[in-house]
């Protein structure tokens, strides 16, 4: 792969952004970051305790990450309501997406 350009980006956690930037807490969060969802959840543990709902895309082939993506929302009081993906993923898994699921979490 040929590198065309490069740039630096600053990444901060949800909890840090909430404390330092004094931004409003979200009611709902969607996370789709291809493999580091568990790290995003860890960095937003306090924020997750206040949200009404969470949508997160998780690849069950990555066992450690998938387990943490179950454990962390549960610890914040969220409950898994639904786990699904497009039916086309089941019929043709040539792209290796058959184990990628959208999880919908809500607060009871």
Protein backbone atom coordinates (compact mmCIF):
# COMPACT_ATOMS: atom_id res chain seq x y z
CA UNK A 1 0.00 0.00 0.00
CA UNK A 2 1.36 3.39 -0.96
CA UNK A 3 1.08 6.14 1.64
CA UNK A 4 -0.41 9.25 0.08
CA UNK A 5 -0.49 11.53 3.10
CA UNK A 6 -0.27 11.44 6.86
CA UNK A 7 -1.78 13.54 9.63
CA UNK A 8 -1.88 13.56 13.40
CA UNK A 9 -5.10 13.41 15.36
CA UNK A 10 -5.79 13.78 19.04
CA UNK A 11 -7.97 11.17 20.65
CA UNK A 12 -9.63 11.65 24.04
CA UNK A 13 -12.07 9.53 25.98
CA UNK A 14 -15.74 10.35 26.38
CA UNK A 15 -15.27 10.79 30.12
CA UNK A 16 -12.34 13.18 29.66
CA UNK A 17 -14.24 15.19 27.02
CA UNK A 18 -17.21 15.48 29.35
CA UNK A 19 -15.10 16.69 32.27
CA UNK A 20 -12.66 19.00 30.49
CA UNK A 21 -14.76 20.35 27.62
CA UNK A 22 -17.92 20.62 29.71
CA UNK A 23 -20.08 19.26 26.90
CA UNK A 24 -23.63 18.09 27.42
CA UNK A 25 -24.07 14.40 28.14
CA UNK A 26 -25.60 12.47 25.24
CA UNK A 27 -28.86 10.58 25.59
CA UNK A 28 -27.85 7.98 23.00
CA UNK A 29 -24.48 6.79 21.71
CA UNK A 30 -23.56 4.88 18.53
CA UNK A 31 -20.13 3.24 18.38
CA UNK A 32 -18.74 1.73 15.16
CA UNK A 33 -14.95 1.87 15.19
CA UNK A 34 -13.97 -1.53 13.76
CA UNK A 35 -12.21 -3.43 16.52
CA UNK A 36 -11.63 -0.96 19.36
CA UNK A 37 -15.20 -0.68 20.63
CA UNK A 38 -14.14 -2.11 23.99
CA UNK A 39 -11.57 0.68 24.40
CA UNK A 40 -14.18 3.33 23.60
CA UNK A 41 -16.51 1.78 26.19
CA UNK A 42 -13.75 1.74 28.82
CA UNK A 43 -13.05 5.41 28.18
CA UNK A 44 -16.70 6.31 28.51
CA UNK A 45 -17.68 4.29 31.55
CA UNK A 46 -19.01 7.31 33.48
CA UNK A 47 -20.86 8.74 30.47
CA UNK A 48 -22.41 5.33 29.74
CA UNK A 49 -23.97 5.31 33.21
CA UNK A 50 -26.19 8.23 32.16
CA UNK A 51 -27.28 7.33 28.62
CA UNK A 52 -30.71 5.99 27.69
CA UNK A 53 -29.38 3.78 24.93
CA UNK A 54 -26.33 2.48 23.11
CA UNK A 55 -25.90 1.05 19.62
CA UNK A 56 -22.61 -0.73 19.13
CA UNK A 57 -21.26 -2.84 16.27
CA UNK A 58 -19.27 -5.83 17.54
CA UNK A 59 -17.38 -8.58 15.73
CA UNK A 60 -17.84 -11.79 17.75
CA UNK A 61 -14.71 -13.27 16.14
CA UNK A 62 -12.65 -11.00 18.41
CA UNK A 63 -13.47 -12.79 21.66
CA UNK A 64 -11.79 -10.49 24.20
CA UNK A 65 -13.27 -7.36 22.66
CA UNK A 66 -16.71 -8.98 22.24
CA UNK A 67 -16.73 -10.12 25.89
CA UNK A 68 -15.81 -6.64 27.13
CA UNK A 69 -18.49 -5.16 24.88
CA UNK A 70 -20.99 -7.30 26.80
CA UNK A 71 -19.52 -6.75 30.25
CA UNK A 72 -18.99 -2.98 30.27
CA UNK A 73 -22.49 -1.84 29.25
CA UNK A 74 -23.97 -4.34 31.72
CA UNK A 75 -21.87 -2.85 34.52
CA UNK A 76 -23.29 0.60 33.72
CA UNK A 77 -26.87 -0.61 34.07
CA UNK A 78 -27.64 -1.06 30.38
CA UNK A 79 -29.52 -4.15 29.18
CA UNK A 80 -29.01 -5.87 25.82
CA UNK A 81 -32.31 -5.61 23.95
CA UNK A 82 -31.39 -6.91 20.54
CA UNK A 83 -28.48 -8.32 18.57
CA UNK A 84 -28.81 -8.60 14.81
CA UNK A 85 -27.33 -7.96 11.42
CA UNK A 86 -28.49 -7.91 7.83
CA UNK A 87 -29.69 -11.26 6.49
CA UNK A 88 -27.33 -10.84 3.55
CA UNK A 89 -24.46 -11.43 6.00
CA UNK A 90 -25.80 -14.93 6.66
CA UNK A 91 -26.31 -15.91 3.03
CA UNK A 92 -22.99 -14.65 1.65
CA UNK A 93 -20.12 -14.32 4.08
CA UNK A 94 -17.42 -13.87 1.44
CA UNK A 95 -16.44 -10.58 3.07
CA UNK A 96 -16.10 -12.15 6.53
CA UNK A 97 -18.88 -10.11 8.14
CA UNK A 98 -21.07 -12.98 9.32
CA UNK A 99 -19.95 -12.50 12.90
CA UNK A 100 -20.47 -8.72 12.98
CA UNK A 101 -23.54 -7.73 14.95
CA UNK A 102 -25.35 -4.54 15.85
CA UNK A 103 -26.20 -4.60 19.53
CA UNK A 104 -28.94 -2.38 20.91
CA UNK A 105 -28.66 -1.60 24.63
CA UNK A 106 -31.22 0.33 26.70
CA UNK A 107 -31.64 1.39 30.26
CA UNK A 108 -34.56 -0.16 32.14
